[in-house]
C-alpha atoms as a PDB file:
ATOM      1  CA  MET A   1      27.894  94.075 110.924  1.00  0.00           C
ATOM      2  CA  LYS A   2      27.606  96.549 108.065  1.00  0.00           C
ATOM      3  CA  ASN A   3      24.065  96.338 106.288  1.00  0.00           C
ATOM      4  CA  ILE A   4      25.032  96.185 102.505  1.00  0.00           C
ATOM      5  CA  PHE A   5      21.290  95.900 101.630  1.00  0.00           C
ATOM      6  CA  ARG A   6      20.196  99.579 101.316  1.00  0.00           C
ATOM      7  CA  LYS A   7      16.414 100.237 101.417  1.00  0.00           C
ATOM      8  CA  SER A   8      15.476 101.950  98.372  1.00  0.00           C
ATOM      9  CA  LYS A   9      13.570 105.159  98.306  1.00  0.00           C
ATOM     10  CA  PRO A  10       9.971 104.953  98.169  1.00  0.00           C
ATOM     11  CA  GLN A  11       8.754 106.317  94.733  1.00  0.00           C
ATOM     12  CA  PRO A  12       6.617 109.436  95.086  1.00  0.00           C
ATOM     13  CA  SER A  13       2.962 109.042  94.218  1.00  0.00           C
ATOM     14  CA  PRO A  14       2.038 112.257  92.741  1.00  0.00           C
ATOM     15  CA  ARG A  15      -1.468 113.815  92.943  1.00  0.00           C
ATOM     16  CA  VAL A  16      -3.284 116.662  91.337  1.00  0.00           C
ATOM     17  CA  SER A  17      -5.042 119.019  93.470  1.00  0.00           C
ATOM     18  CA  ASP A  18      -8.417 117.778  95.352  1.00  0.00           C
ATOM     19  CA  GLY A  19     -11.343 118.502  93.249  1.00  0.00           C
ATOM     20  CA  THR A  20      -9.440 118.956  90.132  1.00  0.00           C
ATOM     21  CA  LEU A  21      -9.429 117.057  86.784  1.00  0.00           C
ATOM     22  CA  ILE A  22      -6.793 117.715  84.159  1.00  0.00           C
ATOM     23  CA  TYR A  23      -6.626 116.776  80.593  1.00  0.00           C
ATOM     24  CA  ALA A  24      -3.214 117.103  78.924  1.00  0.00           C
ATOM     25  CA  ILE A  25      -2.841 116.867  75.138  1.00  0.00           C
ATOM     26  CA  GLY A  26       0.256 116.067  73.267  1.00  0.00           C
ATOM     27  CA  ASP A  27       1.831 117.627  70.221  1.00  0.00           C
ATOM     28  CA  ILE A  28      -0.822 118.455  67.536  1.00  0.00           C
ATOM     29  CA  HIS A  29       1.432 119.704  64.679  1.00  0.00           C
ATOM     30  CA  GLY A  30      -1.387 120.902  62.360  1.00  0.00           C
ATOM     31  CA  ARG A  31      -3.711 117.995  62.688  1.00  0.00           C
ATOM     32  CA  LEU A  32      -6.952 119.847  63.224  1.00  0.00           C
ATOM     33  CA  ASP A  33      -8.809 116.677  62.559  1.00  0.00           C
ATOM     34  CA  ARG A  34      -7.404 114.764  65.559  1.00  0.00           C
ATOM     35  CA  LEU A  35      -7.452 117.968  67.877  1.00  0.00           C
ATOM     36  CA  GLU A  36     -11.583 117.933  67.048  1.00  0.00           C
ATOM     37  CA  ALA A  37     -11.621 114.405  67.950  1.00  0.00           C
ATOM     38  CA  ILE A  38      -9.923 115.200  71.338  1.00  0.00           C
ATOM     39  CA  TYR A  39     -12.412 117.798  71.952  1.00  0.00           C
ATOM     40  CA  GLU A  40     -15.216 115.333  71.456  1.00  0.00           C
ATOM     41  CA  ALA A  41     -13.545 112.910  73.724  1.00  0.00           C
ATOM     42  CA  ILE A  42     -13.111 115.423  76.631  1.00  0.00           C
ATOM     43  CA  ASP A  43     -16.540 116.689  76.116  1.00  0.00           C
ATOM     44  CA  GLY A  44     -18.070 113.410  76.281  1.00  0.00           C
ATOM     45  CA  ASP A  45     -16.311 112.262  79.326  1.00  0.00           C
ATOM     46  CA  PRO A  46     -18.695 111.855  82.030  1.00  0.00           C
ATOM     47  CA  LEU A  47     -16.043 112.049  84.761  1.00  0.00           C
ATOM     48  CA  ARG A  48     -15.637 115.816  83.931  1.00  0.00           C
ATOM     49  CA  HIS A  49     -19.116 116.470  85.801  1.00  0.00           C
ATOM     50  CA  ASP A  50     -17.641 115.188  89.029  1.00  0.00           C
ATOM     51  CA  PHE A  51     -14.990 117.834  89.513  1.00  0.00           C
ATOM     52  CA  ASP A  52     -14.913 121.464  90.698  1.00  0.00           C
ATOM     53  CA  GLN A  53     -12.242 122.267  88.314  1.00  0.00           C
ATOM     54  CA  VAL A  54     -11.563 121.113  85.017  1.00  0.00           C
ATOM     55  CA  PHE A  55      -8.451 122.231  83.062  1.00  0.00           C
ATOM     56  CA  GLU A  56      -7.167 121.323  79.589  1.00  0.00           C
ATOM     57  CA  ILE A  57      -3.428 121.841  79.164  1.00  0.00           C
ATOM     58  CA  TYR A  58      -1.927 121.626  75.720  1.00  0.00           C
ATOM     59  CA  LEU A  59       1.839 121.052  75.686  1.00  0.00           C
ATOM     60  CA  GLY A  60       2.807 122.750  72.621  1.00  0.00           C
ATOM     61  CA  ASP A  61       3.760 122.290  68.917  1.00  0.00           C
ATOM     62  CA  TYR A  62       0.466 123.305  67.487  1.00  0.00           C
ATOM     63  CA  VAL A  63       1.872 124.324  64.206  1.00  0.00           C
ATOM     64  CA  ASP A  64       4.243 122.867  61.224  1.00  0.00           C
ATOM     65  CA  ARG A  65       4.380 119.621  59.713  1.00  0.00           C
ATOM     66  CA  GLY A  66       0.786 118.744  59.394  1.00  0.00           C
ATOM     67  CA  PRO A  67      -1.780 120.441  56.959  1.00  0.00           C
ATOM     68  CA  HIS A  68      -3.810 122.800  59.037  1.00  0.00           C
ATOM     69  CA  SER A  69      -1.587 124.916  61.469  1.00  0.00           C
ATOM     70  CA  MET A  70      -3.744 127.936  60.920  1.00  0.00           C
ATOM     71  CA  GLY A  71      -6.992 125.956  61.649  1.00  0.00           C
ATOM     72  CA  VAL A  72      -5.383 124.524  64.764  1.00  0.00           C
ATOM     73  CA  ILE A  73      -4.532 128.098  66.237  1.00  0.00           C
ATOM     74  CA  ASP A  74      -8.038 129.392  65.342  1.00  0.00           C
ATOM     75  CA  SER A  75      -9.616 126.350  67.076  1.00  0.00           C
ATOM     76  CA  LEU A  76      -7.572 126.730  70.134  1.00  0.00           C
ATOM     77  CA  LEU A  77      -8.516 130.312  70.395  1.00  0.00           C
ATOM     78  CA  GLN A  78     -12.218 129.452  70.189  1.00  0.00           C
ATOM     79  CA  ARG A  79     -11.573 126.812  72.863  1.00  0.00           C
ATOM     80  CA  LEU A  80      -9.923 129.188  75.135  1.00  0.00           C
ATOM     81  CA  ARG A  81     -13.298 131.193  75.135  1.00  0.00           C
ATOM     82  CA  GLU A  82     -15.379 128.043  75.927  1.00  0.00           C
ATOM     83  CA  ARG A  83     -13.310 126.042  78.387  1.00  0.00           C
ATOM     84  CA  THR A  84     -10.561 126.435  81.026  1.00  0.00           C
ATOM     85  CA  VAL A  85      -7.552 126.096  78.712  1.00  0.00           C
ATOM     86  CA  ILE A  86      -3.823 126.385  79.392  1.00  0.00           C
ATOM     87  CA  ALA A  87      -1.781 126.346  75.958  1.00  0.00           C
ATOM     88  CA  LEU A  88       1.796 126.073  76.699  1.00  0.00           C
ATOM     89  CA  LYS A  89       4.733 127.131  74.055  1.00  0.00           C
ATOM     90  CA  GLY A  90       6.617 124.409  72.347  1.00  0.00           C
ATOM     91  CA  ASN A  91       9.719 124.830  70.198  1.00  0.00           C
ATOM     92  CA  HIS A  92       7.738 125.152  66.966  1.00  0.00           C
ATOM     93  CA  GLU A  93       5.800 128.131  68.351  1.00  0.00           C
ATOM     94  CA  SER A  94       9.185 129.728  69.132  1.00  0.00           C
ATOM     95  CA  LEU A  95      10.478 129.004  65.540  1.00  0.00           C
ATOM     96  CA  PHE A  96       7.168 130.511  64.181  1.00  0.00           C
ATOM     97  CA  GLN A  97       7.781 133.748  66.087  1.00  0.00           C
ATOM     98  CA  ASP A  98      11.334 133.991  64.981  1.00  0.00           C
ATOM     99  CA  ALA A  99      10.334 133.308  61.316  1.00  0.00           C
ATOM    100  CA  LEU A 100       7.862 136.398  61.647  1.00  0.00           C
ATOM    101  CA  ILE A 101      10.572 138.601  62.250  1.00  0.00           C
ATOM    102  CA  ASP A 102      13.667 137.378  60.472  1.00  0.00           C
ATOM    103  CA  GLN A 103      13.981 135.848  57.039  1.00  0.00           C
ATOM    104  CA  GLY A 104      16.979 133.850  57.826  1.00  0.00           C
ATOM    105  CA  ALA A 105      15.205 132.141  60.669  1.00  0.00           C
ATOM    106  CA  ALA A 106      12.342 131.640  58.317  1.00  0.00           C
ATOM    107  CA  SER A 107      14.539 129.871  55.862  1.00  0.00           C
ATOM    108  CA  ALA A 108      15.713 127.635  58.633  1.00  0.00           C
ATOM    109  CA  TRP A 109      12.294 127.081  59.685  1.00  0.00           C
ATOM    110  CA  ARG A 110      11.538 125.353  56.399  1.00  0.00           C
ATOM    111  CA  GLN A 111      13.283 122.064  57.611  1.00  0.00           C
ATOM    112  CA  PHE A 112      10.940 122.109  60.586  1.00  0.00           C
ATOM    113  CA  GLY A 113       7.783 122.039  58.624  1.00  0.00           C
ATOM    114  CA  GLY A 114       7.424 125.783  57.903  1.00  0.00           C
ATOM    115  CA  ILE A 115       6.345 125.381  54.472  1.00  0.00           C
ATOM    116  CA  GLU A 116       3.180 123.332  55.527  1.00  0.00           C
ATOM    117  CA  THR A 117       2.464 126.150  57.948  1.00  0.00           C
ATOM    118  CA  MET A 118       2.833 128.952  55.251  1.00  0.00           C
ATOM    119  CA  THR A 119       0.524 126.833  53.098  1.00  0.00           C
ATOM    120  CA  SER A 120      -2.116 126.495  55.719  1.00  0.00           C
ATOM    121  CA  TYR A 121      -2.247 130.267  55.755  1.00  0.00           C
ATOM    122  CA  GLY A 122      -3.016 130.579  52.126  1.00  0.00           C
ATOM    123  CA  VAL A 123       0.337 131.041  50.627  1.00  0.00           C
ATOM    124  CA  ARG A 124       0.433 129.158  47.338  1.00  0.00           C
ATOM    125  CA  VAL A 125       3.887 127.586  47.459  1.00  0.00           C
ATOM    126  CA  ARG A 126       5.392 126.305  44.124  1.00  0.00           C
ATOM    127  CA  LEU A 127       8.535 124.550  43.140  1.00  0.00           C
ATOM    128  CA  PRO A 128      11.473 125.043  42.960  1.00  0.00           C
ATOM    129  CA  ILE A 129      11.800 127.165  45.944  1.00  0.00           C
ATOM    130  CA  THR A 130      14.743 129.516  45.146  1.00  0.00           C
ATOM    131  CA  TYR A 131      15.953 132.200  47.604  1.00  0.00           C
ATOM    132  CA  THR A 132      14.025 134.793  45.720  1.00  0.00           C
ATOM    133  CA  VAL A 133      10.738 132.803  45.535  1.00  0.00           C
ATOM    134  CA  PHE A 134      11.006 132.057  49.205  1.00  0.00           C
ATOM    135  CA  GLU A 135      11.454 135.686  49.899  1.00  0.00           C
ATOM    136  CA  GLN A 136       8.081 136.463  48.381  1.00  0.00           C
ATOM    137  CA  PHE A 137       6.517 133.497  50.207  1.00  0.00           C
ATOM    138  CA  HIS A 138       7.734 134.950  53.396  1.00  0.00           C
ATOM    139  CA  ARG A 139       6.288 138.322  52.729  1.00  0.00           C
ATOM    140  CA  GLU A 140       2.932 136.697  51.936  1.00  0.00           C
ATOM    141  CA  TRP A 141       2.836 134.522  54.922  1.00  0.00           C
ATOM    142  CA  ILE A 142       3.895 137.549  57.284  1.00  0.00           C
ATOM    143  CA  ALA A 143       0.950 139.584  55.818  1.00  0.00           C
ATOM    144  CA  ALA A 144      -1.492 136.617  56.176  1.00  0.00           C
ATOM    145  CA  VAL A 145      -0.916 135.990  59.953  1.00  0.00           C
ATOM    146  CA  PRO A 146      -3.656 137.482  61.976  1.00  0.00           C
ATOM    147  CA  ARG A 147      -2.839 139.665  64.845  1.00  0.00           C
ATOM    148  CA  SER A 148      -4.871 137.221  67.053  1.00  0.00           C
ATOM    149  CA  HIS A 149      -2.431 134.529  66.055  1.00  0.00           C
ATOM    150  CA  ARG A 150       0.589 136.665  67.057  1.00  0.00           C
ATOM    151  CA  THR A 151      -0.950 137.600  70.313  1.00  0.00           C
ATOM    152  CA  PHE A 152      -1.654 134.027  70.994  1.00  0.00           C
ATOM    153  CA  MET A 153       1.987 132.954  70.377  1.00  0.00           C
ATOM    154  CA  GLU A 154       3.280 135.780  72.529  1.00  0.00           C
ATOM    155  CA  SER A 155       0.994 134.813  75.528  1.00  0.00           C
ATOM    156  CA  LEU A 156       2.144 131.180  75.788  1.00  0.00           C
ATOM    157  CA  PRO A 157       3.565 130.116  79.192  1.00  0.00           C
ATOM    158  CA  PHE A 158       6.614 127.702  79.165  1.00  0.00           C
ATOM    159  CA  SER A 159       5.242 125.733  82.046  1.00  0.00           C
ATOM    160  CA  VAL A 160       2.557 125.129  84.608  1.00  0.00           C
ATOM    161  CA  SER A 161       2.212 122.878  87.655  1.00  0.00           C
ATOM    162  CA  ASP A 162      -0.503 121.566  89.778  1.00  0.00           C
ATOM    163  CA  GLY A 163      -0.007 119.227  92.796  1.00  0.00           C
ATOM    164  CA  GLY A 164       2.732 116.711  92.086  1.00  0.00           C
ATOM    165  CA  TYR A 165       2.749 117.386  88.424  1.00  0.00           C
ATOM    166  CA  PHE A 166       4.754 119.707  86.227  1.00  0.00           C
ATOM    167  CA  PHE A 167       3.757 120.400  82.502  1.00  0.00           C
ATOM    168  CA  CYS A 168       6.091 121.566  79.756  1.00  0.00           C
ATOM    169  CA  HIS A 169       6.802 120.973  76.184  1.00  0.00           C
ATOM    170  CA  ALA A 170      10.086 118.955  76.018  1.00  0.00           C
ATOM    171  CA  GLY A 171      11.245 118.331  79.550  1.00  0.00           C
ATOM    172  CA  VAL A 172      13.547 119.680  82.313  1.00  0.00           C
ATOM    173  CA  ARG A 173      17.167 119.904  82.957  1.00  0.00           C
ATOM    174  CA  PRO A 174      17.827 116.999  85.734  1.00  0.00           C
ATOM    175  CA  GLY A 175      19.258 118.251  89.084  1.00  0.00           C
ATOM    176  CA  ILE A 176      17.895 121.839  88.508  1.00  0.00           C
ATOM    177  CA  ALA A 177      14.947 123.037  90.639  1.00  0.00           C
ATOM    178  CA  LEU A 178      11.633 123.241  88.540  1.00  0.00           C
ATOM    179  CA  ASN A 179      11.430 127.130  89.247  1.00  0.00           C
ATOM    180  CA  ARG A 180      14.874 127.518  87.763  1.00  0.00           C
ATOM    181  CA  GLN A 181      14.428 125.899  84.548  1.00  0.00           C
ATOM    182  CA  ILE A 182      15.320 127.705  81.399  1.00  0.00           C
ATOM    183  CA  GLU A 183      13.485 128.438  78.135  1.00  0.00           C
ATOM    184  CA  ALA A 184      15.761 126.379  76.027  1.00  0.00           C
ATOM    185  CA  ASP A 185      15.406 123.286  77.955  1.00  0.00           C
ATOM    186  CA  LEU A 186      11.620 123.588  78.575  1.00  0.00           C
ATOM    187  CA  LEU A 187      11.276 123.864  74.678  1.00  0.00           C
ATOM    188  CA  TRP A 188      14.250 121.775  73.215  1.00  0.00           C
ATOM    189  CA  ILE A 189      15.785 119.081  75.754  1.00  0.00           C
ATOM    190  CA  ARG A 190      15.826 115.478  74.823  1.00  0.00           C
ATOM    191  CA  ASP A 191      18.453 112.871  75.879  1.00  0.00           C
ATOM    192  CA  GLU A 192      19.673 114.287  79.237  1.00  0.00           C
ATOM    193  CA  PHE A 193      15.938 114.329  80.315  1.00  0.00           C
ATOM    194  CA  LEU A 194      14.723 111.203  78.698  1.00  0.00           C
ATOM    195  CA  GLU A 195      17.404 109.048  80.004  1.00  0.00           C
ATOM    196  CA  SER A 196      17.211 110.351  83.580  1.00  0.00           C
ATOM    197  CA  LYS A 197      15.510 108.120  85.975  1.00  0.00           C
ATOM    198  CA  ARG A 198      15.757 110.678  88.978  1.00  0.00           C
ATOM    199  CA  TRP A 199      12.781 112.293  90.517  1.00  0.00           C
ATOM    200  CA  HIS A 200      12.582 115.837  89.478  1.00  0.00           C
ATOM    201  CA  GLY A 201      10.448 117.390  92.222  1.00  0.00           C
ATOM    202  CA  ALA A 202       7.288 116.590  90.383  1.00  0.00           C
ATOM    203  CA  ARG A 203       6.168 114.063  87.810  1.00  0.00           C
ATOM    204  CA  ILE A 204       6.980 115.672  84.365  1.00  0.00           C
ATOM    205  CA  VAL A 205       4.128 115.715  81.617  1.00  0.00           C
ATOM    206  CA  HIS A 206       5.752 116.462  78.292  1.00  0.00           C
ATOM    207  CA  GLY A 207       5.725 115.989  74.608  1.00  0.00           C
ATOM    208  CA  HIS A 208       8.488 116.938  71.885  1.00  0.00           C
ATOM    209  CA  THR A 209      10.056 113.510  71.408  1.00  0.00           C
ATOM    210  CA  PRO A 210       7.675 111.318  69.235  1.00  0.00           C
ATOM    211  CA  VAL A 211       7.096 107.699  70.525  1.00  0.00           C
ATOM    212  CA  GLU A 212       4.695 104.948  69.207  1.00  0.00           C
ATOM    213  CA  THR A 213       2.531 104.890  72.254  1.00  0.00           C
ATOM    214  CA  PRO A 214       2.413 107.205  75.320  1.00  0.00           C
ATOM    215  CA  GLU A 215       5.234 106.683  77.809  1.00  0.00           C
ATOM    216  CA  ILE A 216       3.999 106.617  81.426  1.00  0.00           C
ATOM    217  CA  LYS A 217       7.076 106.246  83.674  1.00  0.00           C
ATOM    218  CA  PRO A 218       7.343 107.050  87.340  1.00  0.00           C
ATOM    219  CA  ASN A 219       9.003 110.315  86.831  1.00  0.00           C
ATOM    220  CA  ARG A 220       7.690 111.446  83.544  1.00  0.00           C
ATOM    221  CA  ILE A 221       4.886 111.051  80.960  1.00  0.00           C
ATOM    222  CA  ASN A 222       5.494 111.419  77.302  1.00  0.00           C
ATOM    223  CA  LEU A 223       2.479 112.267  75.427  1.00  0.00           C
ATOM    224  CA  ASP A 224       3.884 113.074  71.791  1.00  0.00           C
ATOM    225  CA  THR A 225       2.592 110.046  69.582  1.00  0.00           C
ATOM    226  CA  GLY A 226       3.574 111.774  66.309  1.00  0.00           C
ATOM    227  CA  ALA A 227       0.135 112.978  65.405  1.00  0.00           C
ATOM    228  CA  TYR A 228       1.266 114.472  61.991  1.00  0.00           C
ATOM    229  CA  MET A 229       2.634 111.138  61.075  1.00  0.00           C
ATOM    230  CA  THR A 230       0.468 108.660  62.718  1.00  0.00           C
ATOM    231  CA  GLY A 231      -2.866 110.290  63.117  1.00  0.00           C
ATOM    232  CA  ARG A 232      -2.597 109.484  66.988  1.00  0.00           C
ATOM    233  CA  LEU A 233      -3.072 112.434  69.184  1.00  0.00           C
ATOM    234  CA  THR A 234      -2.938 111.528  72.824  1.00  0.00           C
ATOM    235  CA  CYS A 235      -4.904 112.944  75.799  1.00  0.00           C
ATOM    236  CA  LEU A 236      -3.934 112.069  79.322  1.00  0.00           C
ATOM    237  CA  ARG A 237      -6.576 112.411  82.128  1.00  0.00           C
ATOM    238  CA  LEU A 238      -5.374 113.206  85.726  1.00  0.00           C
ATOM    239  CA  HIS A 239      -7.465 113.248  88.848  1.00  0.00           C
ATOM    240  CA  GLY A 240      -6.335 112.445  92.473  1.00  0.00           C
ATOM    241  CA  ASN A 241      -3.555 109.941  91.819  1.00  0.00           C
ATOM    242  CA  ALA A 242      -4.941 108.356  88.783  1.00  0.00           C
ATOM    243  CA  ALA A 243      -3.337 108.820  85.312  1.00  0.00           C
ATOM    244  CA  ASP A 244      -4.827 107.243  82.199  1.00  0.00           C
ATOM    245  CA  ILE A 245      -5.208 107.911  78.428  1.00  0.00           C
ATOM    246  CA  ILE A 246      -8.695 108.639  77.027  1.00  0.00           C
END
């Protein structure tokens, strides 16, 4: 007799490496105030003293939309000197880099929050923003971006993994091995990834798509809680097979 009741595959239970504690932080978007609050939460977490290795993984989108993009980059550069930090690239860092070298890209960047970023670097933006006026803003902004910020942007990796977890900005292309994912998907993918229930080879920790509260699903965790709009910047704590929001 044919058995029509198929046993479902057991859901993987991802773990991070033994002796390792990871804090993963969602999209910051110029909210320096919320980033500093996350630092306080991490530094005040008593659990951090129980582990051999403690990593902070920032999931990208440090700039645009919010008021203090320049301050966020300065703050992350300081944090890199004080803690074990991995800062990943988001699509807004890619837009920032493109805008530095191409005025056409800079003009398109305006709709993604580029004006707020220019303002954070001291450019005095005035209305109306005509083509000629924007050209001037663009030149002033390029001159205002420190070499350290350019180097920071150039150094950002697209992903990192530990144990059964894979960290990136936007997500991954379902059905493609993690070591074969391409830049465009890691920075920009949405529906194909978000709607997929398949196991991707690791549990994906990502941001990029704002949600009201963190999404903790068997195959992925979304930490983008729209900090620039809501004031909520989310930090995930991972150790062993535990995953919780602090």
